[in-house]
Amino acid sequence: MAAPRGEPIQEFYSIGEVCSLTDLKPHVLRYWESQFKLLNPAKNRSGNRVYARREVELILLVKHLLYTEKYTIDGARQKLDEHRKGGSLRPAARAALEVEALESIERDLAELQAILDDRPVPRPR
């Protein structure tokens, strides 16, 4: 079953946890960090990335802009900048989180319906 399972409740996340929440691979997250200056996770004493909740929300917004709205990297960067300058970055990130949660629920329901109908379970996108 696909993540996320709802709004994250922790304050800090490892890269593995962020991958599970966002359904993204670690190399994608690292690449996005190089492309979007707003994505800048701290590193712990061991040098591992530690993502704040705000960054998880921003990652979901970037994912929404790139995968759902089909922006290019440059276009998504400009859109994030517009949101930031207009003071709507946090609400836009929260909205992306809600969309991701709803899509996850829809996938879970489709899987359950397939099981109940004795059909093959649909594969995640």
PDB file of N, CA and C in Angstrom:
ATOM      1  N   MET A   1       0.834  -1.183   0.000  1.00  0.00           N
ATOM      2  CA  MET A   1       0.000   0.000   0.000  1.00  0.00           C
ATOM      3  C   MET A   1       0.876   1.242   0.000  1.00  0.00           C
ATOM      4  N   ALA A   2       0.443   2.276  -0.635  1.00  0.00           N
ATOM      5  CA  ALA A   2       1.260   3.462  -0.838  1.00  0.00           C
ATOM      6  C   ALA A   2       1.149   4.437   0.329  1.00  0.00           C
ATOM      7  N   ALA A   3       2.182   5.223   0.523  1.00  0.00           N
ATOM      8  CA  ALA A   3       2.200   6.276   1.540  1.00  0.00           C
ATOM      9  C   ALA A   3       1.767   7.569   0.871  1.00  0.00           C
ATOM     10  N   PRO A   4       1.406   8.604   1.518  1.00  0.00           N
ATOM     11  CA  PRO A   4       1.356   8.728   2.958  1.00  0.00           C
ATOM     12  C   PRO A   4       0.041   8.236   3.528  1.00  0.00           C
ATOM     13  N   ARG A   5       0.027   7.995   4.793  1.00  0.00           N
ATOM     14  CA  ARG A   5      -1.164   7.506   5.486  1.00  0.00           C
ATOM     15  C   ARG A   5      -1.902   8.639   6.177  1.00  0.00           C
ATOM     16  N   GLY A   6      -1.667   9.836   5.801  1.00  0.00           N
ATOM     17  CA  GLY A   6      -2.267  10.989   6.441  1.00  0.00           C
ATOM     18  C   GLY A   6      -1.193  11.996   6.758  1.00  0.00           C
ATOM     19  N   GLU A   7      -1.569  13.024   7.420  1.00  0.00           N
ATOM     20  CA  GLU A   7      -0.634  14.101   7.731  1.00  0.00           C
ATOM     21  C   GLU A   7       0.441  13.603   8.686  1.00  0.00           C
ATOM     22  N   PRO A   8       1.713  13.892   8.381  1.00  0.00           N
ATOM     23  CA  PRO A   8       2.769  13.457   9.293  1.00  0.00           C
ATOM     24  C   PRO A   8       2.616  14.143  10.647  1.00  0.00           C
ATOM     25  N   ILE A   9       2.950  13.413  11.731  1.00  0.00           N
ATOM     26  CA  ILE A   9       2.783  14.001  13.056  1.00  0.00           C
ATOM     27  C   ILE A   9       4.110  14.209  13.777  1.00  0.00           C
ATOM     28  N   GLN A  10       5.186  13.622  13.287  1.00  0.00           N
ATOM     29  CA  GLN A  10       6.494  13.851  13.888  1.00  0.00           C
ATOM     30  C   GLN A  10       6.977  15.238  13.502  1.00  0.00           C
ATOM     31  N   GLU A  11       7.989  15.710  14.188  1.00  0.00           N
ATOM     32  CA  GLU A  11       8.595  16.992  13.834  1.00  0.00           C
ATOM     33  C   GLU A  11       9.806  16.809  12.939  1.00  0.00           C
ATOM     34  N   PHE A  12      10.523  15.682  13.079  1.00  0.00           N
ATOM     35  CA  PHE A  12      11.711  15.442  12.269  1.00  0.00           C
ATOM     36  C   PHE A  12      11.689  14.029  11.706  1.00  0.00           C
ATOM     37  N   TYR A  13      12.221  13.887  10.481  1.00  0.00           N
ATOM     38  CA  TYR A  13      12.158  12.618   9.758  1.00  0.00           C
ATOM     39  C   TYR A  13      13.505  12.303   9.115  1.00  0.00           C
ATOM     40  N   SER A  14      13.835  11.025   9.074  1.00  0.00           N
ATOM     41  CA  SER A  14      15.020  10.573   8.339  1.00  0.00           C
ATOM     42  C   SER A  14      14.671  10.531   6.854  1.00  0.00           C
ATOM     43  N   ILE A  15      15.667  10.384   6.012  1.00  0.00           N
ATOM     44  CA  ILE A  15      15.408  10.324   4.577  1.00  0.00           C
ATOM     45  C   ILE A  15      14.554   9.098   4.243  1.00  0.00           C
ATOM     46  N   GLY A  16      14.761   8.002   4.949  1.00  0.00           N
ATOM     47  CA  GLY A  16      13.951   6.802   4.722  1.00  0.00           C
ATOM     48  C   GLY A  16      12.484   7.029   5.054  1.00  0.00           C
ATOM     49  N   GLU A  17      12.246   7.732   6.164  1.00  0.00           N
ATOM     50  CA  GLU A  17      10.867   8.040   6.543  1.00  0.00           C
ATOM     51  C   GLU A  17      10.221   8.982   5.533  1.00  0.00           C
ATOM     52  N   VAL A  18      10.980   9.959   5.051  1.00  0.00           N
ATOM     53  CA  VAL A  18      10.445  10.890   4.060  1.00  0.00           C
ATOM     54  C   VAL A  18      10.133  10.140   2.759  1.00  0.00           C
ATOM     55  N   CYS A  19      10.985   9.207   2.387  1.00  0.00           N
ATOM     56  CA  CYS A  19      10.727   8.397   1.186  1.00  0.00           C
ATOM     57  C   CYS A  19       9.423   7.616   1.344  1.00  0.00           C
ATOM     58  N   SER A  20       9.194   7.051   2.519  1.00  0.00           N
ATOM     59  CA  SER A  20       7.951   6.312   2.761  1.00  0.00           C
ATOM     60  C   SER A  20       6.737   7.230   2.730  1.00  0.00           C
ATOM     61  N   LEU A  21       6.854   8.395   3.337  1.00  0.00           N
ATOM     62  CA  LEU A  21       5.736   9.340   3.375  1.00  0.00           C
ATOM     63  C   LEU A  21       5.391   9.898   2.001  1.00  0.00           C
ATOM     64  N   THR A  22       6.408  10.127   1.174  1.00  0.00           N
ATOM     65  CA  THR A  22       6.204  10.811  -0.101  1.00  0.00           C
ATOM     66  C   THR A  22       6.178   9.880  -1.300  1.00  0.00           C
ATOM     67  N   ASP A  23       6.528   8.626  -1.087  1.00  0.00           N
ATOM     68  CA  ASP A  23       6.614   7.643  -2.171  1.00  0.00           C
ATOM     69  C   ASP A  23       7.634   8.077  -3.218  1.00  0.00           C
ATOM     70  N   LEU A  24       8.775   8.574  -2.738  1.00  0.00           N
ATOM     71  CA  LEU A  24       9.871   8.994  -3.598  1.00  0.00           C
ATOM     72  C   LEU A  24      11.134   8.242  -3.210  1.00  0.00           C
ATOM     73  N   LYS A  25      12.068   8.156  -4.136  1.00  0.00           N
ATOM     74  CA  LYS A  25      13.354   7.499  -3.885  1.00  0.00           C
ATOM     75  C   LYS A  25      14.342   8.505  -3.291  1.00  0.00           C
ATOM     76  N   PRO A  26      15.312   8.018  -2.502  1.00  0.00           N
ATOM     77  CA  PRO A  26      16.296   8.926  -1.898  1.00  0.00           C
ATOM     78  C   PRO A  26      17.052   9.778  -2.925  1.00  0.00           C
ATOM     79  N   HIS A  27      17.405   9.197  -4.070  1.00  0.00           N
ATOM     80  CA  HIS A  27      18.159   9.978  -5.055  1.00  0.00           C
ATOM     81  C   HIS A  27      17.324  11.130  -5.616  1.00  0.00           C
ATOM     82  N   VAL A  28      16.002  10.947  -5.670  1.00  0.00           N
ATOM     83  CA  VAL A  28      15.114  12.024  -6.137  1.00  0.00           C
ATOM     84  C   VAL A  28      15.126  13.158  -5.117  1.00  0.00           C
ATOM     85  N   LEU A  29      15.020  12.818  -3.849  1.00  0.00           N
ATOM     86  CA  LEU A  29      15.051  13.847  -2.803  1.00  0.00           C
ATOM     87  C   LEU A  29      16.371  14.609  -2.823  1.00  0.00           C
ATOM     88  N   ARG A  30      17.482  13.880  -2.954  1.00  0.00           N
ATOM     89  CA  ARG A  30      18.788  14.546  -2.978  1.00  0.00           C
ATOM     90  C   ARG A  30      18.909  15.459  -4.199  1.00  0.00           C
ATOM     91  N   TYR A  31      18.394  15.011  -5.350  1.00  0.00           N
ATOM     92  CA  TYR A  31      18.434  15.841  -6.552  1.00  0.00           C
ATOM     93  C   TYR A  31      17.590  17.101  -6.351  1.00  0.00           C
ATOM     94  N   TRP A  32      16.392  16.939  -5.810  1.00  0.00           N
ATOM     95  CA  TRP A  32      15.523  18.095  -5.590  1.00  0.00           C
ATOM     96  C   TRP A  32      16.174  19.098  -4.642  1.00  0.00           C
ATOM     97  N   GLU A  33      16.916  18.619  -3.655  1.00  0.00           N
ATOM     98  CA  GLU A  33      17.622  19.528  -2.751  1.00  0.00           C
ATOM     99  C   GLU A  33      18.611  20.398  -3.522  1.00  0.00           C
ATOM    100  N   SER A  34      19.207  19.841  -4.562  1.00  0.00           N
ATOM    101  CA  SER A  34      20.161  20.617  -5.356  1.00  0.00           C
ATOM    102  C   SER A  34      19.453  21.606  -6.280  1.00  0.00           C
ATOM    103  N   GLN A  35      18.183  21.373  -6.557  1.00  0.00           N
ATOM    104  CA  GLN A  35      17.439  22.204  -7.502  1.00  0.00           C
ATOM    105  C   GLN A  35      16.530  23.234  -6.838  1.00  0.00           C
ATOM    106  N   PHE A  36      16.126  22.978  -5.606  1.00  0.00           N
ATOM    107  CA  PHE A  36      15.196  23.861  -4.896  1.00  0.00           C
ATOM    108  C   PHE A  36      15.840  24.301  -3.592  1.00  0.00           C
ATOM    109  N   LYS A  37      16.239  25.582  -3.529  1.00  0.00           N
ATOM    110  CA  LYS A  37      16.962  26.068  -2.352  1.00  0.00           C
ATOM    111  C   LYS A  37      16.120  26.021  -1.072  1.00  0.00           C
ATOM    112  N   LEU A  38      14.783  25.982  -1.221  1.00  0.00           N
ATOM    113  CA  LEU A  38      13.919  25.883  -0.040  1.00  0.00           C
ATOM    114  C   LEU A  38      14.029  24.518   0.641  1.00  0.00           C
ATOM    115  N   LEU A  39      14.458  23.508  -0.108  1.00  0.00           N
ATOM    116  CA  LEU A  39      14.631  22.165   0.455  1.00  0.00           C
ATOM    117  C   LEU A  39      16.075  22.043   0.930  1.00  0.00           C
ATOM    118  N   ASN A  40      16.266  22.240   2.204  1.00  0.00           N
ATOM    119  CA  ASN A  40      17.609  22.241   2.768  1.00  0.00           C
ATOM    120  C   ASN A  40      17.577  21.578   4.138  1.00  0.00           C
ATOM    121  N   PRO A  41      17.480  20.235   4.164  1.00  0.00           N
ATOM    122  CA  PRO A  41      17.401  19.569   5.469  1.00  0.00           C
ATOM    123  C   PRO A  41      18.699  19.723   6.262  1.00  0.00           C
ATOM    124  N   ALA A  42      18.540  19.764   7.562  1.00  0.00           N
ATOM    125  CA  ALA A  42      19.704  19.796   8.446  1.00  0.00           C
ATOM    126  C   ALA A  42      20.352  18.420   8.432  1.00  0.00           C
ATOM    127  N   LYS A  43      21.557  18.352   8.954  1.00  0.00           N
ATOM    128  CA  LYS A  43      22.235  17.061   9.093  1.00  0.00           C
ATOM    129  C   LYS A  43      22.549  16.850  10.565  1.00  0.00           C
ATOM    130  N   ASN A  44      22.382  15.601  10.988  1.00  0.00           N
ATOM    131  CA  ASN A  44      22.671  15.293  12.394  1.00  0.00           C
ATOM    132  C   ASN A  44      24.175  15.085  12.589  1.00  0.00           C
ATOM    133  N   ARG A  45      24.579  14.700  13.779  1.00  0.00           N
ATOM    134  CA  ARG A  45      26.008  14.508  14.082  1.00  0.00           C
ATOM    135  C   ARG A  45      26.661  13.471  13.184  1.00  0.00           C
ATOM    136  N   SER A  46      25.860  12.509  12.737  1.00  0.00           N
ATOM    137  CA  SER A  46      26.387  11.450  11.865  1.00  0.00           C
ATOM    138  C   SER A  46      26.436  11.878  10.402  1.00  0.00           C
ATOM    139  N   GLY A  47      25.904  13.052  10.104  1.00  0.00           N
ATOM    140  CA  GLY A  47      25.896  13.524   8.725  1.00  0.00           C
ATOM    141  C   GLY A  47      24.670  13.103   7.944  1.00  0.00           C
ATOM    142  N   ASN A  48      23.703  12.487   8.625  1.00  0.00           N
ATOM    143  CA  ASN A  48      22.474  12.064   7.948  1.00  0.00           C
ATOM    144  C   ASN A  48      21.482  13.208   7.885  1.00  0.00           C
ATOM    145  N   ARG A  49      20.719  13.246   6.784  1.00  0.00           N
ATOM    146  CA  ARG A  49      19.708  14.288   6.618  1.00  0.00           C
ATOM    147  C   ARG A  49      18.587  14.118   7.647  1.00  0.00           C
ATOM    148  N   VAL A  50      18.142  15.246   8.178  1.00  0.00           N
ATOM    149  CA  VAL A  50      17.023  15.274   9.116  1.00  0.00           C
ATOM    150  C   VAL A  50      16.038  16.308   8.580  1.00  0.00           C
ATOM    151  N   TYR A  51      14.883  15.834   8.130  1.00  0.00           N
ATOM    152  CA  TYR A  51      13.891  16.697   7.512  1.00  0.00           C
ATOM    153  C   TYR A  51      12.886  17.172   8.554  1.00  0.00           C
ATOM    154  N   ALA A  52      12.638  18.474   8.558  1.00  0.00           N
ATOM    155  CA  ALA A  52      11.596  19.039   9.408  1.00  0.00           C
ATOM    156  C   ALA A  52      10.251  18.835   8.715  1.00  0.00           C
ATOM    157  N   ARG A  53       9.214  18.885   9.485  1.00  0.00           N
ATOM    158  CA  ARG A  53       7.851  18.716   8.954  1.00  0.00           C
ATOM    159  C   ARG A  53       7.581  19.679   7.808  1.00  0.00           C
ATOM    160  N   ARG A  54       8.036  20.923   7.933  1.00  0.00           N
ATOM    161  CA  ARG A  54       7.846  21.932   6.903  1.00  0.00           C
ATOM    162  C   ARG A  54       8.469  21.475   5.584  1.00  0.00           C
ATOM    163  N   GLU A  55       9.638  20.828   5.664  1.00  0.00           N
ATOM    164  CA  GLU A  55      10.295  20.351   4.447  1.00  0.00           C
ATOM    165  C   GLU A  55       9.547  19.189   3.815  1.00  0.00           C
ATOM    166  N   VAL A  56       8.947  18.343   4.626  1.00  0.00           N
ATOM    167  CA  VAL A  56       8.138  17.253   4.085  1.00  0.00           C
ATOM    168  C   VAL A  56       6.960  17.840   3.303  1.00  0.00           C
ATOM    169  N   GLU A  57       6.341  18.867   3.866  1.00  0.00           N
ATOM    170  CA  GLU A  57       5.229  19.525   3.166  1.00  0.00           C
ATOM    171  C   GLU A  57       5.709  20.151   1.854  1.00  0.00           C
ATOM    172  N   LEU A  58       6.892  20.785   1.873  1.00  0.00           N
ATOM    173  CA  LEU A  58       7.435  21.386   0.651  1.00  0.00           C
ATOM    174  C   LEU A  58       7.767  20.321  -0.392  1.00  0.00           C
ATOM    175  N   ILE A  59       8.285  19.192   0.058  1.00  0.00           N
ATOM    176  CA  ILE A  59       8.580  18.092  -0.866  1.00  0.00           C
ATOM    177  C   ILE A  59       7.304  17.630  -1.552  1.00  0.00           C
ATOM    178  N   LEU A  60       6.233  17.518  -0.788  1.00  0.00           N
ATOM    179  CA  LEU A  60       4.959  17.116  -1.388  1.00  0.00           C
ATOM    180  C   LEU A  60       4.438  18.169  -2.358  1.00  0.00           C
ATOM    181  N   LEU A  61       4.696  19.441  -2.082  1.00  0.00           N
ATOM    182  CA  LEU A  61       4.307  20.494  -3.013  1.00  0.00           C
ATOM    183  C   LEU A  61       5.124  20.391  -4.297  1.00  0.00           C
ATOM    184  N   VAL A  62       6.424  20.182  -4.172  1.00  0.00           N
ATOM    185  CA  VAL A  62       7.270  20.013  -5.354  1.00  0.00           C
ATOM    186  C   VAL A  62       6.802  18.801  -6.156  1.00  0.00           C
ATOM    187  N   LYS A  63       6.527  17.712  -5.473  1.00  0.00           N
ATOM    188  CA  LYS A  63       6.040  16.508  -6.147  1.00  0.00           C
ATOM    189  C   LYS A  63       4.744  16.800  -6.897  1.00  0.00           C
ATOM    190  N   HIS A  64       3.842  17.520  -6.269  1.00  0.00           N
ATOM    191  CA  HIS A  64       2.571  17.874  -6.901  1.00  0.00           C
ATOM    192  C   HIS A  64       2.805  18.738  -8.145  1.00  0.00           C
ATOM    193  N   LEU A  65       3.669  19.728  -8.011  1.00  0.00           N
ATOM    194  CA  LEU A  65       3.947  20.612  -9.148  1.00  0.00           C
ATOM    195  C   LEU A  65       4.578  19.845 -10.308  1.00  0.00           C
ATOM    196  N   LEU A  66       5.524  18.963 -10.003  1.00  0.00           N
ATOM    197  CA  LEU A  66       6.228  18.233 -11.063  1.00  0.00           C
ATOM    198  C   LEU A  66       5.406  17.085 -11.649  1.00  0.00           C
ATOM    199  N   TYR A  67       4.780  16.288 -10.804  1.00  0.00           N
ATOM    200  CA  TYR A  67       4.138  15.059 -11.268  1.00  0.00           C
ATOM    201  C   TYR A  67       2.671  15.238 -11.633  1.00  0.00           C
ATOM    202  N   THR A  68       1.956  16.089 -10.904  1.00  0.00           N
ATOM    203  CA  THR A  68       0.531  16.260 -11.164  1.00  0.00           C
ATOM    204  C   THR A  68       0.280  17.422 -12.116  1.00  0.00           C
ATOM    205  N   GLU A  69       0.879  18.575 -11.815  1.00  0.00           N
ATOM    206  CA  GLU A  69       0.654  19.747 -12.657  1.00  0.00           C
ATOM    207  C   GLU A  69       1.609  19.803 -13.844  1.00  0.00           C
ATOM    208  N   LYS A  70       2.587  18.891 -13.868  1.00  0.00           N
ATOM    209  CA  LYS A  70       3.513  18.723 -15.003  1.00  0.00           C
ATOM    210  C   LYS A  70       4.409  19.932 -15.268  1.00  0.00           C
ATOM    211  N   TYR A  71       4.791  20.645 -14.211  1.00  0.00           N
ATOM    212  CA  TYR A  71       5.754  21.726 -14.365  1.00  0.00           C
ATOM    213  C   TYR A  71       7.128  21.134 -14.624  1.00  0.00           C
ATOM    214  N   THR A  72       7.984  21.895 -15.311  1.00  0.00           N
ATOM    215  CA  THR A  72       9.397  21.541 -15.405  1.00  0.00           C
ATOM    216  C   THR A  72      10.049  21.925 -14.080  1.00  0.00           C
ATOM    217  N   ILE A  73      11.302  21.543 -13.886  1.00  0.00           N
ATOM    218  CA  ILE A  73      12.031  21.948 -12.680  1.00  0.00           C
ATOM    219  C   ILE A  73      12.042  23.476 -12.582  1.00  0.00           C
ATOM    220  N   ASP A  74      12.385  24.149 -13.694  1.00  0.00           N
ATOM    221  CA  ASP A  74      12.411  25.615 -13.689  1.00  0.00           C
ATOM    222  C   ASP A  74      11.039  26.198 -13.393  1.00  0.00           C
ATOM    223  N   GLY A  75      10.005  25.640 -13.994  1.00  0.00           N
ATOM    224  CA  GLY A  75       8.648  26.125 -13.763  1.00  0.00           C
ATOM    225  C   GLY A  75       8.217  25.932 -12.325  1.00  0.00           C
ATOM    226  N   ALA A  76       8.547  24.781 -11.755  1.00  0.00           N
ATOM    227  CA  ALA A  76       8.200  24.510 -10.354  1.00  0.00           C
ATOM    228  C   ALA A  76       8.958  25.463  -9.437  1.00  0.00           C
ATOM    229  N   ARG A  77      10.221  25.722  -9.766  1.00  0.00           N
ATOM    230  CA  ARG A  77      11.020  26.657  -8.978  1.00  0.00           C
ATOM    231  C   ARG A  77      10.374  28.048  -8.999  1.00  0.00           C
ATOM    232  N   GLN A  78       9.929  28.479 -10.184  1.00  0.00           N
ATOM    233  CA  GLN A  78       9.267  29.783 -10.306  1.00  0.00           C
ATOM    234  C   GLN A  78       7.951  29.806  -9.527  1.00  0.00           C
ATOM    235  N   LYS A  79       7.189  28.721  -9.609  1.00  0.00           N
ATOM    236  CA  LYS A  79       5.908  28.647  -8.892  1.00  0.00           C
ATOM    237  C   LYS A  79       6.132  28.720  -7.379  1.00  0.00           C
ATOM    238  N   LEU A  80       7.143  27.997  -6.891  1.00  0.00           N
ATOM    239  CA  LEU A  80       7.465  28.060  -5.460  1.00  0.00           C
ATOM    240  C   LEU A  80       7.852  29.481  -5.059  1.00  0.00           C
ATOM    241  N   ASP A  81       8.624  30.143  -5.919  1.00  0.00           N
ATOM    242  CA  ASP A  81       9.034  31.511  -5.640  1.00  0.00           C
ATOM    243  C   ASP A  81       7.825  32.441  -5.600  1.00  0.00           C
ATOM    244  N   GLU A  82       6.883  32.244  -6.518  1.00  0.00           N
ATOM    245  CA  GLU A  82       5.645  33.040  -6.516  1.00  0.00           C
ATOM    246  C   GLU A  82       4.872  32.836  -5.206  1.00  0.00           C
ATOM    247  N   HIS A  83       4.740  31.571  -4.813  1.00  0.00           N
ATOM    248  CA  HIS A  83       4.046  31.273  -3.549  1.00  0.00           C
ATOM    249  C   HIS A  83       4.757  31.937  -2.373  1.00  0.00           C
ATOM    250  N   ARG A  84       6.093  31.830  -2.370  1.00  0.00           N
ATOM    251  CA  ARG A  84       6.875  32.411  -1.275  1.00  0.00           C
ATOM    252  C   ARG A  84       6.687  33.925  -1.219  1.00  0.00           C
ATOM    253  N   LYS A  85       6.817  34.587  -2.371  1.00  0.00           N
ATOM    254  CA  LYS A  85       6.684  36.046  -2.423  1.00  0.00           C
ATOM    255  C   LYS A  85       5.263  36.491  -2.083  1.00  0.00           C
ATOM    256  N   GLY A  86       4.282  35.684  -2.445  1.00  0.00           N
ATOM    257  CA  GLY A  86       2.890  36.029  -2.170  1.00  0.00           C
ATOM    258  C   GLY A  86       2.417  35.611  -0.793  1.00  0.00           C
ATOM    259  N   GLY A  87       3.293  34.976  -0.025  1.00  0.00           N
ATOM    260  CA  GLY A  87       2.926  34.546   1.319  1.00  0.00           C
ATOM    261  C   GLY A  87       2.025  33.320   1.355  1.00  0.00           C
ATOM    262  N   SER A  88       1.948  32.598   0.236  1.00  0.00           N
ATOM    263  CA  SER A  88       1.053  31.440   0.180  1.00  0.00           C
ATOM    264  C   SER A  88       1.798  30.109   0.110  1.00  0.00           C
ATOM    265  N   LEU A  89       3.083  30.112   0.449  1.00  0.00           N
ATOM    266  CA  LEU A  89       3.862  28.878   0.352  1.00  0.00           C
ATOM    267  C   LEU A  89       3.344  27.806   1.309  1.00  0.00           C
ATOM    268  N   ARG A  90       3.131  28.163   2.550  1.00  0.00           N
ATOM    269  CA  ARG A  90       2.670  27.178   3.543  1.00  0.00           C
ATOM    270  C   ARG A  90       1.282  26.634   3.192  1.00  0.00           C
ATOM    271  N   PRO A  91       0.297  27.509   2.848  1.00  0.00           N
ATOM    272  CA  PRO A  91      -1.008  26.966   2.451  1.00  0.00           C
ATOM    273  C   PRO A  91      -0.940  26.077   1.205  1.00  0.00           C
ATOM    274  N   ALA A  92      -0.095  26.439   0.253  1.00  0.00           N
ATOM    275  CA  ALA A  92       0.046  25.617  -0.956  1.00  0.00           C
ATOM    276  C   ALA A  92       0.664  24.259  -0.611  1.00  0.00           C
ATOM    277  N   ALA A  93       1.647  24.269   0.287  1.00  0.00           N
ATOM    278  CA  ALA A  93       2.274  23.013   0.716  1.00  0.00           C
ATOM    279  C   ALA A  93       1.269  22.144   1.467  1.00  0.00           C
ATOM    280  N   ARG A  94       0.461  22.749   2.324  1.00  0.00           N
ATOM    281  CA  ARG A  94      -0.565  21.998   3.057  1.00  0.00           C
ATOM    282  C   ARG A  94      -1.597  21.406   2.104  1.00  0.00           C
ATOM    283  N   ALA A  95      -1.974  22.176   1.079  1.00  0.00           N
ATOM    284  CA  ALA A  95      -2.940  21.680   0.094  1.00  0.00           C
ATOM    285  C   ALA A  95      -2.366  20.480  -0.657  1.00  0.00           C
ATOM    286  N   ALA A  96      -1.083  20.527  -0.990  1.00  0.00           N
ATOM    287  CA  ALA A  96      -0.438  19.393  -1.667  1.00  0.00           C
ATOM    288  C   ALA A  96      -0.439  18.164  -0.762  1.00  0.00           C
ATOM    289  N   LEU A  97      -0.227  18.374   0.525  1.00  0.00           N
ATOM    290  CA  LEU A  97      -0.267  17.277   1.491  1.00  0.00           C
ATOM    291  C   LEU A  97      -1.657  16.646   1.519  1.00  0.00           C
ATOM    292  N   GLU A  98      -2.689  17.474   1.501  1.00  0.00           N
ATOM    293  CA  GLU A  98      -4.062  16.964   1.503  1.00  0.00           C
ATOM    294  C   GLU A  98      -4.368  16.180   0.234  1.00  0.00           C
ATOM    295  N   VAL A  99      -3.916  16.670  -0.909  1.00  0.00           N
ATOM    296  CA  VAL A  99      -4.131  15.966  -2.182  1.00  0.00           C
ATOM    297  C   VAL A  99      -3.450  14.601  -2.131  1.00  0.00           C
ATOM    298  N   GLU A 100      -2.217  14.574  -1.648  1.00  0.00           N
ATOM    299  CA  GLU A 100      -1.465  13.313  -1.556  1.00  0.00           C
ATOM    300  C   GLU A 100      -2.188  12.328  -0.625  1.00  0.00           C
ATOM    301  N   ALA A 101      -2.705  12.817   0.484  1.00  0.00           N
ATOM    302  CA  ALA A 101      -3.423  11.954   1.424  1.00  0.00           C
ATOM    303  C   ALA A 101      -4.687  11.392   0.781  1.00  0.00           C
ATOM    304  N   LEU A 102      -5.427  12.226   0.069  1.00  0.00           N
ATOM    305  CA  LEU A 102      -6.643  11.756  -0.608  1.00  0.00           C
ATOM    306  C   LEU A 102      -6.322  10.718  -1.683  1.00  0.00           C
ATOM    307  N   GLU A 103      -5.267  10.953  -2.445  1.00  0.00           N
ATOM    308  CA  GLU A 103      -4.881   9.983  -3.469  1.00  0.00           C
ATOM    309  C   GLU A 103      -4.482   8.653  -2.840  1.00  0.00           C
ATOM    310  N   SER A 104      -3.812   8.706  -1.703  1.00  0.00           N
ATOM    311  CA  SER A 104      -3.425   7.494  -0.997  1.00  0.00           C
ATOM    312  C   SER A 104      -4.665   6.724  -0.522  1.00  0.00           C
ATOM    313  N   ILE A 105      -5.639   7.445  -0.011  1.00  0.00           N
ATOM    314  CA  ILE A 105      -6.883   6.812   0.439  1.00  0.00           C
ATOM    315  C   ILE A 105      -7.609   6.171  -0.741  1.00  0.00           C
ATOM    316  N   GLU A 106      -7.639   6.867  -1.876  1.00  0.00           N
ATOM    317  CA  GLU A 106      -8.285   6.315  -3.074  1.00  0.00           C
ATOM    318  C   GLU A 106      -7.595   5.026  -3.530  1.00  0.00           C
ATOM    319  N   ARG A 107      -6.250   5.016  -3.498  1.00  0.00           N
ATOM    320  CA  ARG A 107      -5.515   3.795  -3.879  1.00  0.00           C
ATOM    321  C   ARG A 107      -5.829   2.660  -2.906  1.00  0.00           C
ATOM    322  N   ASP A 108      -5.855   2.973  -1.616  1.00  0.00           N
ATOM    323  CA  ASP A 108      -6.167   1.949  -0.609  1.00  0.00           C
ATOM    324  C   ASP A 108      -7.570   1.389  -0.816  1.00  0.00           C
ATOM    325  N   LEU A 109      -8.529   2.264  -1.101  1.00  0.00           N
ATOM    326  CA  LEU A 109      -9.900   1.805  -1.336  1.00  0.00           C
ATOM    327  C   LEU A 109      -9.992   0.936  -2.596  1.00  0.00           C
ATOM    328  N   ALA A 110      -9.266   1.307  -3.642  1.00  0.00           N
ATOM    329  CA  ALA A 110      -9.260   0.502  -4.864  1.00  0.00           C
ATOM    330  C   ALA A 110      -8.671  -0.882  -4.587  1.00  0.00           C
ATOM    331  N   GLU A 111      -7.617  -0.934  -3.760  1.00  0.00           N
ATOM    332  CA  GLU A 111      -7.026  -2.222  -3.396  1.00  0.00           C
ATOM    333  C   GLU A 111      -8.020  -3.067  -2.595  1.00  0.00           C
ATOM    334  N   LEU A 112      -8.684  -2.450  -1.636  1.00  0.00           N
ATOM    335  CA  LEU A 112      -9.668  -3.175  -0.836  1.00  0.00           C
ATOM    336  C   LEU A 112     -10.825  -3.678  -1.695  1.00  0.00           C
ATOM    337  N   GLN A 113     -11.301  -2.838  -2.613  1.00  0.00           N
ATOM    338  CA  GLN A 113     -12.396  -3.244  -3.502  1.00  0.00           C
ATOM    339  C   GLN A 113     -11.980  -4.422  -4.366  1.00  0.00           C
ATOM    340  N   ALA A 114     -10.751  -4.396  -4.862  1.00  0.00           N
ATOM    341  CA  ALA A 114     -10.260  -5.509  -5.678  1.00  0.00           C
ATOM    342  C   ALA A 114     -10.209  -6.799  -4.857  1.00  0.00           C
ATOM    343  N   ILE A 115      -9.753  -6.689  -3.621  1.00  0.00           N
ATOM    344  CA  ILE A 115      -9.698  -7.871  -2.744  1.00  0.00           C
ATOM    345  C   ILE A 115     -11.105  -8.407  -2.502  1.00  0.00           C
ATOM    346  N   LEU A 116     -12.046  -7.511  -2.205  1.00  0.00           N
ATOM    347  CA  LEU A 116     -13.424  -7.930  -1.944  1.00  0.00           C
ATOM    348  C   LEU A 116     -14.077  -8.541  -3.188  1.00  0.00           C
ATOM    349  N   ASP A 117     -13.709  -8.030  -4.360  1.00  0.00           N
ATOM    350  CA  ASP A 117     -14.270  -8.546  -5.616  1.00  0.00           C
ATOM    351  C   ASP A 117     -13.490  -9.741  -6.155  1.00  0.00           C
ATOM    352  N   ASP A 118     -12.465 -10.162  -5.420  1.00  0.00           N
ATOM    353  CA  ASP A 118     -11.615 -11.277  -5.835  1.00  0.00           C
ATOM    354  C   ASP A 118     -10.971 -11.006  -7.196  1.00  0.00           C
ATOM    355  N   ARG A 119     -10.513  -9.772  -7.373  1.00  0.00           N
ATOM    356  CA  ARG A 119      -9.801  -9.367  -8.583  1.00  0.00           C
ATOM    357  C   ARG A 119      -8.343  -9.110  -8.219  1.00  0.00           C
ATOM    358  N   PRO A 120      -7.468  -9.068  -9.230  1.00  0.00           N
ATOM    359  CA  PRO A 120      -6.073  -8.706  -8.937  1.00  0.00           C
ATOM    360  C   PRO A 120      -6.000  -7.286  -8.360  1.00  0.00           C
ATOM    361  N   VAL A 121      -5.118  -7.107  -7.406  1.00  0.00           N
ATOM    362  CA  VAL A 121      -4.950  -5.810  -6.761  1.00  0.00           C
ATOM    363  C   VAL A 121      -4.240  -4.883  -7.745  1.00  0.00           C
ATOM    364  N   PRO A 122      -4.786  -3.647  -7.948  1.00  0.00           N
ATOM    365  CA  PRO A 122      -4.143  -2.723  -8.877  1.00  0.00           C
ATOM    366  C   PRO A 122      -2.726  -2.377  -8.431  1.00  0.00           C
ATOM    367  N   ARG A 123      -1.845  -2.237  -9.395  1.00  0.00           N
ATOM    368  CA  ARG A 123      -0.454  -1.877  -9.100  1.00  0.00           C
ATOM    369  C   ARG A 123      -0.342  -0.380  -8.876  1.00  0.00           C
ATOM    370  N   PRO A 124       0.508   0.031  -7.930  1.00  0.00           N
ATOM    371  CA  PRO A 124       0.719   1.470  -7.728  1.00  0.00           C
ATOM    372  C   PRO A 124       1.360   2.092  -8.960  1.00  0.00           C
ATOM    373  N   ARG A 125       1.074   3.401  -9.154  1.00  0.00           N
ATOM    374  CA  ARG A 125       1.626   4.114 -10.310  1.00  0.00           C
ATOM    375  C   ARG A 125       3.105   4.256 -10.226  1.00  0.00           C
TER     376      ARG A 125
END
